[in-house]
Protein backbone atom coordinates (compact mmCIF):
# COMPACT_ATOMS: atom_id res chain seq x y z
CA MET A 1 63.24 91.61 82.04
CA ILE A 2 60.37 89.85 83.73
CA ASP A 3 57.89 91.56 86.06
CA PHE A 4 59.85 92.52 89.04
CA LYS A 5 57.27 91.12 91.57
CA ILE A 6 57.55 87.70 89.72
CA TRP A 7 61.41 87.90 90.01
CA ILE A 8 61.13 88.69 93.85
CA ASP A 9 58.96 85.76 94.45
CA LYS A 10 61.14 83.44 92.43
CA HIS A 11 64.22 84.48 94.44
CA ILE A 12 62.76 85.00 97.85
CA GLY A 13 65.07 82.31 99.33
CA ILE A 14 68.13 84.42 98.83
CA PHE A 15 66.89 87.56 100.69
CA ASP A 16 66.47 88.15 104.38
CA GLU A 17 63.22 89.80 105.52
CA ASN A 18 64.63 93.32 105.41
CA ILE A 19 65.84 93.17 101.79
CA HIS A 20 62.64 91.43 100.71
CA GLY A 21 60.66 94.24 102.27
CA LEU A 22 62.61 96.86 100.56
CA PHE A 23 62.12 95.24 97.11
CA ILE A 24 58.35 94.66 97.77
CA ASP A 25 57.92 98.31 98.88
CA SER A 26 59.71 99.52 95.96
CA TYR A 27 57.45 97.48 93.64
CA LYS A 28 54.34 98.87 95.35
CA CYS A 29 55.53 102.44 94.81
CA PHE A 30 56.33 101.67 91.19
CA THR A 31 52.93 100.14 90.52
CA ASN A 32 51.33 103.34 92.03
CA ASP A 33 53.42 105.69 89.85
CA ILE A 34 55.54 106.92 92.77
CA GLU A 35 58.84 106.66 91.05
CA ARG A 36 61.43 108.30 93.39
CA PRO A 37 60.64 106.15 96.37
CA ALA A 38 60.55 103.09 94.06
CA TYR A 39 64.03 103.85 92.72
CA LEU A 40 65.40 104.66 96.34
CA LEU A 41 64.00 101.44 97.87
CA ALA A 42 65.28 99.25 94.95
CA TYR A 43 68.63 100.78 95.29
CA GLN A 44 68.63 100.38 99.04
CA GLY A 45 67.61 96.66 98.68
CA LEU A 46 70.52 96.09 96.22
CA MET A 47 73.02 97.67 98.61
CA GLN A 48 71.74 95.82 101.70
CA TYR A 49 71.97 92.51 99.70
CA ILE A 50 75.70 93.32 99.00
CA ARG A 51 76.25 94.38 102.68
CA THR A 52 74.73 91.10 104.05
CA LEU A 53 76.76 89.21 101.40
CA ILE A 54 80.05 90.60 102.68
CA LEU A 55 79.20 90.41 106.35
CA ASN A 56 78.09 86.72 106.09
CA SER A 57 81.28 85.71 104.17
CA SER A 58 84.07 84.00 106.20
CA LEU A 59 86.70 84.93 103.61
CA THR A 60 89.22 87.78 103.80
CA PRO A 61 89.82 89.19 100.37
CA HIS A 62 93.22 88.75 98.69
CA GLY A 63 95.87 91.21 99.98
CA PHE A 64 94.04 92.22 103.26
CA THR A 65 95.21 91.12 106.67
CA ALA A 66 92.44 90.00 108.95
CA GLN A 67 92.97 93.03 111.28
CA GLU A 68 92.75 95.43 108.24
CA TRP A 69 89.73 93.85 106.86
CA GLU A 70 87.95 93.97 110.18
CA ASN A 71 88.95 97.53 111.13
CA ASN A 72 88.63 99.18 107.71
CA PHE A 73 85.67 97.34 106.18
CA LEU A 74 83.60 95.03 108.49
CA LYS A 75 83.25 97.57 111.26
CA LYS A 76 82.09 100.24 108.85
CA LEU A 77 79.75 97.82 107.12
CA ARG A 78 78.12 97.03 110.44
CA ASP A 79 77.75 100.73 111.42
CA ASP A 80 74.35 102.06 110.26
CA GLY A 81 75.78 105.43 109.72
CA THR A 82 78.61 104.35 107.29
CA TRP A 83 77.53 101.11 105.72
CA ASP A 84 76.03 102.56 102.60
CA GLN A 85 79.20 104.45 101.53
CA LYS A 86 81.32 101.40 102.49
CA VAL A 87 79.30 99.04 100.36
CA PHE A 88 79.73 101.42 97.36
CA ASP A 89 83.49 101.53 98.04
CA CYS A 90 83.46 97.69 98.11
CA THR A 91 81.84 97.62 94.73
CA GLN A 92 84.58 99.82 93.30
CA GLN A 93 87.54 97.99 94.77
CA SER A 94 89.38 96.09 92.09
CA ASP A 95 93.07 94.83 91.42
CA SER A 96 95.53 97.56 92.30
CA ASN A 97 99.30 98.15 92.49
CA SER A 98 99.12 97.90 96.18
CA GLY A 99 98.45 94.12 95.95
CA LYS A 100 94.90 94.48 97.21
CA GLY A 101 92.46 92.20 95.38
CA PRO A 102 88.81 93.04 94.60
CA ILE A 103 86.40 92.59 97.41
CA LEU A 104 83.61 91.50 95.06
CA ASN A 105 84.40 89.18 92.19
CA ILE A 106 82.23 90.80 89.55
CA ALA A 107 82.84 91.71 85.92
CA LYS A 108 84.26 95.06 84.96
CA GLU A 109 81.04 96.14 83.23
CA ILE A 110 79.01 95.29 86.31
CA ARG A 111 81.30 97.30 88.61
CA GLU A 112 81.19 100.26 86.24
CA LYS A 113 77.35 100.48 86.50
CA PHE A 114 77.35 101.24 90.38
CA PRO A 115 78.44 104.93 90.03
CA PHE A 116 75.51 105.45 87.62
CA TRP A 117 72.96 103.89 89.95
CA ARG A 118 74.40 105.82 92.82
CA GLN A 119 74.09 109.08 90.98
CA PHE A 120 70.45 108.64 90.30
CA ARG A 121 69.99 107.59 93.90
CA ASN A 122 71.44 110.97 95.01
CA VAL A 123 69.31 112.74 92.43
CA CYS A 124 66.11 110.95 93.81
CA ALA A 125 67.06 111.98 97.36
CA HIS A 126 68.36 115.64 96.82
CA TYR A 127 67.27 117.11 93.54
CA LYS A 128 63.50 117.42 93.40
CA GLY A 129 63.59 119.33 90.11
CA TYR A 130 65.14 116.51 88.19
CA GLU A 131 62.51 114.24 86.67
CA ILE A 132 62.68 110.59 87.68
CA ASN A 133 60.37 108.38 85.68
CA LYS A 134 59.48 104.69 85.20
CA ALA A 135 62.32 104.14 82.68
CA HIS A 136 64.98 104.85 85.45
CA VAL A 137 63.26 102.38 87.85
CA ILE A 138 62.93 99.70 85.15
CA ALA A 139 66.49 100.12 84.24
CA LEU A 140 67.62 99.45 87.91
CA TYR A 141 65.02 96.57 88.13
CA SER A 142 66.59 95.04 85.02
CA PHE A 143 70.13 95.27 86.48
CA ILE A 144 69.12 93.70 89.67
CA GLU A 145 67.31 90.83 87.93
CA GLN A 146 70.26 90.13 85.61
CA TYR A 147 73.26 90.61 87.94
CA LEU A 148 72.37 90.45 91.56
CA GLU A 149 73.32 86.71 91.88
CA ALA A 150 76.52 87.41 89.88
CA ILE A 151 77.75 89.45 92.85
CA THR A 152 79.66 87.15 95.19
CA ILE A 153 82.56 87.10 97.47
CA GLU A 154 83.87 83.70 96.62
CA GLY A 155 83.47 84.06 92.91
CA CYS A 156 80.42 83.45 90.62
CA THR A 157 81.54 80.14 89.21
CA GLN A 158 82.30 78.52 92.65
CA SER A 159 79.05 79.96 94.16
CA LEU A 160 76.88 78.61 91.37
CA ALA A 161 78.79 75.26 91.28
CA GLN A 162 77.83 74.90 94.97
CA LYS A 163 74.13 75.54 94.29
CA PHE A 164 74.28 72.87 91.57
CA ASP A 165 75.92 70.53 94.08
CA ASN A 166 73.16 71.19 96.55
CA TYR A 167 70.51 70.58 93.78
CA PHE A 168 72.06 67.16 93.10
CA ASN A 169 72.40 66.19 96.75
CA PRO A 170 69.15 64.17 97.49
CA ALA A 171 69.62 64.91 101.08
CA ILE A 172 69.10 68.64 100.36
CA THR A 173 66.99 68.86 97.27
CA SER A 174 64.05 66.70 96.05
CA LEU A 175 64.74 64.73 92.89
CA HIS A 176 61.54 66.40 91.47
CA GLU A 177 62.72 69.86 91.94
CA ASP A 178 62.87 72.00 88.69
CA ILE A 179 66.43 72.69 87.45
CA THR A 180 65.38 75.59 85.21
CA PRO A 181 66.01 78.40 87.83
CA LEU A 182 69.62 77.10 88.25
CA LEU A 183 70.13 76.96 84.40
CA ASP A 184 69.05 80.55 84.13
CA LYS A 185 71.96 81.57 86.50
CA ILE A 186 74.66 80.17 84.19
CA GLU A 187 74.55 82.93 81.62
CA PRO A 188 75.15 85.81 83.94
CA MET A 189 77.36 84.09 86.39
CA VAL A 190 79.75 81.96 84.42
CA CYS A 191 82.42 83.58 82.17
CA ASP A 192 84.00 81.62 79.31
CA SER A 193 87.44 81.39 81.01
CA GLU A 194 85.85 79.54 83.89
CA ALA A 195 83.36 77.45 81.98
CA ASP A 196 85.37 74.25 81.87
CA VAL A 197 85.93 74.24 85.57
CA PHE A 198 82.28 74.96 86.28
CA LEU A 199 81.01 72.18 83.92
CA ASP A 200 83.58 69.73 85.38
CA ASN A 201 82.17 70.50 88.89
CA ILE A 202 78.60 69.86 87.66
CA PHE A 203 79.72 66.66 86.10
CA ARG A 204 81.51 65.39 89.23
CA SER A 205 78.65 66.35 91.50
CA CYS A 206 76.16 64.49 89.26
CA LEU A 207 78.36 61.29 89.46
CA LEU A 208 78.90 61.80 93.19
CA TYR A 209 75.22 61.61 93.95
CA ASN A 210 74.10 59.40 91.17
CA PRO A 211 77.10 57.35 90.15
CA TYR A 212 75.33 54.58 88.18
CA GLY A 213 72.46 56.67 86.73
CA GLU A 214 72.00 59.05 83.76
CA ARG A 215 71.30 62.28 85.51
CA HIS A 216 74.52 63.92 84.25
CA LEU A 217 73.31 63.33 80.82
CA PHE A 218 69.89 64.85 81.46
CA VAL A 219 71.47 67.88 83.05
CA PHE A 220 73.80 68.60 80.05
CA HIS A 221 70.84 68.01 77.71
CA GLU A 222 68.95 70.64 79.64
CA ILE A 223 71.88 73.02 79.49
CA ILE A 224 72.21 72.64 75.59
CA HIS A 225 68.50 73.02 74.98
CA HIS A 226 67.55 75.67 77.59
CA CYS A 227 70.48 78.06 77.94
CA PRO A 228 71.52 81.02 75.59
CA LEU A 229 73.96 80.30 72.66
CA ARG A 230 77.14 81.41 74.55
CA VAL A 231 76.45 78.77 77.20
CA GLN A 232 75.48 76.24 74.60
CA ASN A 233 78.83 76.85 72.82
CA PHE A 234 81.14 76.40 75.75
CA THR A 235 79.06 73.37 76.90
CA LYS A 236 79.36 71.68 73.58
CA LYS A 237 83.16 72.43 73.51
CA PHE A 238 83.46 70.80 77.02
CA MET A 239 81.54 67.75 75.99
CA SER A 240 83.53 67.31 72.76
CA ASN A 241 86.79 67.08 74.77
CA CYS A 242 85.42 64.38 77.10
CA THR A 243 85.37 61.36 74.93
CA ASP A 244 83.58 58.86 77.23
CA PHE A 245 81.03 61.40 78.27
CA PHE A 246 80.36 62.47 74.80
CA HIS A 247 79.84 58.82 73.82
CA SER A 248 77.34 58.21 76.62
CA TYR A 249 75.49 61.37 75.76
CA ILE A 250 75.03 60.61 72.05
CA GLU A 251 73.87 57.01 73.06
CA LYS A 252 71.20 58.67 75.13
CA TYR A 253 70.33 61.51 72.82
CA PRO A 254 71.44 60.71 69.27
CA ASP A 255 69.21 63.47 67.92
CA ASP A 256 71.72 65.90 69.33
CA ILE A 257 74.69 64.65 67.21
CA LEU A 258 74.23 67.61 64.81
CA LEU A 259 74.58 70.04 67.71
CA LEU A 260 77.75 68.64 68.61
CA ILE A 261 79.33 67.70 65.19
CA SER A 262 78.31 69.67 62.11
CA SER A 263 81.21 70.23 59.79
CA LYS A 264 81.61 67.67 56.96
CA GLN A 265 85.30 67.30 57.83
CA ASP A 266 84.39 66.42 61.50
CA ILE A 267 81.60 64.08 60.35
CA TYR A 268 84.00 62.26 57.95
CA LYS A 269 86.49 61.64 60.91
CA PHE A 270 83.66 60.71 63.19
CA CYS A 271 82.31 58.19 60.77
CA HIS A 272 85.75 56.59 60.08
CA ASN A 273 86.89 56.57 63.73
CA GLN A 274 84.00 56.42 66.09
CA ILE A 275 80.55 55.84 64.60
CA THR A 276 80.91 51.99 64.71
CA SER A 277 81.34 52.25 68.59
CA TYR A 278 77.72 53.56 68.99
CA ARG A 279 74.76 51.24 69.39
CA ASN A 280 72.74 53.81 67.39
CA MET A 281 75.24 53.72 64.48
CA LEU A 282 72.55 53.56 61.60
CA TYR A 283 70.41 56.21 63.40
CA ILE A 284 73.39 58.55 63.45
CA LEU A 285 74.34 57.66 59.88
CA ALA A 286 70.85 58.39 58.60
CA THR A 287 70.74 61.69 60.59
CA PHE A 288 73.91 62.74 58.68
CA TYR A 289 72.19 61.69 55.39
CA ILE A 290 69.02 63.62 56.14
CA ALA A 291 71.03 66.75 56.80
CA ASP A 292 72.92 66.22 53.59
CA LEU A 293 76.30 66.27 55.29
CA ILE A 294 77.99 63.18 53.71
CA PRO A 295 79.38 64.11 50.26
CA GLU A 296 78.53 61.59 47.50
CA CYS A 297 82.22 60.82 47.06
CA ASP A 298 82.52 59.55 50.64
CA ASN A 299 79.21 57.64 50.53
CA ASN A 300 80.61 54.16 49.71
CA ASP A 301 83.31 54.39 52.33
CA MET A 302 80.65 55.30 54.97
CA LEU A 303 78.51 52.50 54.05
CA ARG A 304 81.22 49.92 53.93
CA VAL A 305 82.48 50.97 57.25
CA CYS A 306 79.02 50.57 58.91
CA ILE A 307 77.79 47.46 57.19
CA GLN A 308 81.11 45.66 58.09
CA ALA A 309 80.82 46.85 61.63
CA ALA A 310 77.15 45.51 61.86
CA GLN A 311 78.27 42.15 60.41
CA ARG A 312 81.15 41.72 62.83
CA ASN A 313 79.35 42.88 65.98
CA ASN A 314 75.58 42.81 65.32
CA THR A 315 74.53 42.36 68.94
CA SER A 316 76.24 45.72 69.66
CA PHE A 317 73.73 47.60 67.65
CA ASP A 318 70.23 48.97 68.39
CA TYR A 319 67.92 49.44 65.39
CA SER A 320 64.71 50.22 67.49
CA ARG A 321 64.88 54.00 67.05
CA ILE A 322 65.26 54.07 63.33
CA THR A 323 62.31 55.86 61.71
CA SER A 324 60.55 55.20 58.43
CA ASP A 325 62.23 58.24 56.86
CA MET A 326 65.61 56.93 58.09
CA LYS A 327 65.04 53.46 56.64
CA ARG A 328 64.17 55.11 53.32
CA ILE A 329 67.20 57.30 53.08
CA LEU A 330 69.43 54.50 54.04
CA TYR A 331 67.87 52.36 51.25
CA ASP A 332 68.31 55.36 48.74
CA LYS A 333 71.93 55.90 49.76
CA GLY A 334 72.75 52.28 49.13
CA TYR A 335 73.06 50.66 52.54
CA PHE A 336 70.98 47.67 51.76
CA HIS A 337 72.54 47.33 48.20
CA GLN A 338 75.92 47.19 50.09
CA PHE A 339 74.43 44.52 52.34
CA ILE A 340 73.37 42.41 49.39
CA GLU A 341 76.67 42.98 47.53
CA SER A 342 78.80 42.17 50.54
CA PHE A 343 77.01 39.56 52.51
CA PHE A 344 73.70 38.44 51.01
CA ASN A 345 74.79 36.73 47.82
CA ALA A 346 75.43 33.06 46.80
CA ASN A 347 79.14 33.55 46.44
CA TYR A 348 79.52 34.79 50.01
CA THR A 349 76.96 32.47 51.71
CA THR A 350 78.24 29.27 49.95
CA SER A 351 81.90 29.96 51.29
CA HIS A 352 80.86 31.17 54.69
CA TYR A 353 77.72 29.17 55.42
CA GLU A 354 79.06 27.83 58.67
CA ALA A 355 79.96 31.15 60.08
CA ILE A 356 76.64 32.64 59.07
CA CYS A 357 74.87 30.12 61.24
CA TYR A 358 76.25 31.84 64.18
CA ASN A 359 75.42 35.35 62.96
CA THR A 360 71.88 35.14 61.77
CA ASP A 361 70.73 38.17 63.81
CA PHE A 362 72.71 40.34 61.47
CA TYR A 363 70.82 39.18 58.46
CA ILE A 364 67.34 39.26 60.21
CA ASP A 365 67.88 42.71 61.71
CA THR A 366 69.06 44.23 58.54
CA ILE A 367 66.08 42.58 56.51
CA SER A 368 63.80 43.87 59.21
CA ILE A 369 64.52 47.51 58.51
CA LEU A 370 64.30 47.20 54.77
CA PRO A 371 61.74 49.88 53.71
CA GLN A 372 60.85 47.84 50.61
CA ILE A 373 61.73 44.51 49.07
CA ASP A 374 63.22 44.77 45.61
CA GLU A 375 64.18 42.41 42.75
CA GLU A 376 67.80 42.35 43.68
CA TYR A 377 67.00 41.05 47.12
CA VAL A 378 64.47 38.38 45.95
CA THR A 379 66.90 37.14 43.14
CA ASN A 380 69.66 36.71 45.67
CA LEU A 381 67.31 35.04 48.21
CA ILE A 382 66.40 32.44 45.59
CA GLU A 383 70.04 31.93 44.47
CA ILE A 384 71.33 31.46 48.01
CA PHE A 385 68.79 28.85 48.93
CA SER A 386 68.96 26.92 45.70
CA LYS A 387 72.58 26.01 46.20
CA GLN A 388 73.56 22.74 47.77
CA ARG A 389 75.38 24.50 50.58
CA TYR A 390 73.70 27.30 52.49
CA PRO A 391 73.39 28.39 56.08
CA PHE A 392 70.71 26.24 57.55
CA THR A 393 69.97 28.37 60.64
CA LEU A 394 69.38 31.43 58.47
CA GLN A 395 67.23 29.40 56.22
CA ASN A 396 65.02 28.53 59.21
CA ARG A 397 64.86 32.00 60.49
CA LEU A 398 64.06 33.50 56.98
CA LYS A 399 61.45 30.85 56.52
CA GLU A 400 59.81 31.88 59.83
CA PHE A 401 60.19 35.57 58.95
CA TYR A 402 58.46 34.98 55.64
CA HIS A 403 55.45 33.32 57.28
CA ASN A 404 55.23 35.69 60.26
CA ASN A 405 55.54 39.12 58.45
CA ILE A 406 52.66 39.60 56.12
CA ASP A 407 53.97 42.71 54.49
CA TYR A 408 57.39 41.04 53.69
CA LYS A 409 55.59 37.95 52.39
CA THR A 410 53.31 39.98 50.26
CA GLU A 411 56.18 42.01 48.63
CA VAL A 412 58.35 38.92 48.08
CA ASP A 413 55.44 37.12 46.45
CA LYS A 414 54.59 40.00 44.27
CA ILE A 415 58.00 40.43 42.85
CA CYS A 416 58.22 36.73 42.20
CA ARG A 417 54.93 36.94 40.19
CA ASP A 418 55.93 40.13 38.35
CA ASN A 419 59.28 38.74 37.33
CA GLY A 420 58.53 35.11 36.83
CA LEU A 421 60.62 33.96 39.78
CA VAL A 422 59.95 30.96 42.04
CA LEU A 423 60.88 30.69 45.68
CA PRO A 424 62.69 27.37 46.58
CA ASP A 425 60.84 25.00 48.82
CA THR A 426 63.65 25.55 51.38
CA ILE A 427 62.31 28.91 52.46
CA ILE A 428 58.52 28.83 51.98
């Protein structure tokens, strides 16, 4: 529970002047140690809020005729002498054998609290000998803070979904408006059974107002990183079932891959069926390695899948985010050895030298992320370009790379000196 005055100020937009005044006066009494009026005024504010909510709704609850709803409920809610009792009756109306639906769509545990609050309201008003202390008031404040906005006529999910829609609509809400207050409402207002519908509404609203942007990715990122665990879990489940959305999200936020895929079995399936479709393929692979989620027995399969995809479609991949630690673990796990064994050796380059001339980016990009130059690499480099047939465009690019990258040149030269190797004139 936050300070009740802070909560009032944050939610001033949902109260009319009368309800705001009741809550403010309650807080003033509370801070001056006048507990009975503090409780009574807070209870009155809560009930006035529900009264206003029902009277402002254009909906007739399920099972009621328009005339029955008007005569038996709305008239009594408008009457200053009967409204309080009628609001309480509305909080207790639930599904019944008569076919009448609930008036307020609220969870059972919330509905069951109202008799408790009403009992203490009666104690405050009529039983002076019964002690009412700050704990009673704080308990009611906490209930109001947590559940007030979960009390709706049209249903919590629909109500909150509309609030999100208004947030995304640039004609209603500034693009710079903080989304955090809305995120805080998801936990108390969305139950698990309605989560998919709610999240789908958010997703569609994002795309409606920002069809070519990435705002939907940002919003779901904020939900996953800001909301309580229950909300995180049903959001992750929703995202995992939306293949294209999941793909776009991980492309934008690859660090979140372990939040969405964490079991070794799921990672194995992902690496064999999906990882090569991601521009951040090596970033994701390195993330799995760092978390120790790829068993040694599967390692060679993973490396082969990734290196072959990089060789086939090199322009589809982005290596810019790969960190030094990631380069190191890729090296230690054998990614660069797989590169040398499969594509950077004289047997391969001699028989594929023409095709390699059109795919030099793959070689330069892979060599660029080597964390260190080793003897195996230099030995193969010398052998490749000592042959009569070799890829001339790759030769030109490696020669340029050698002279323009001082660290690379230094390491290559040192390995040659230490091992009695000599670079051919073709690449120096």
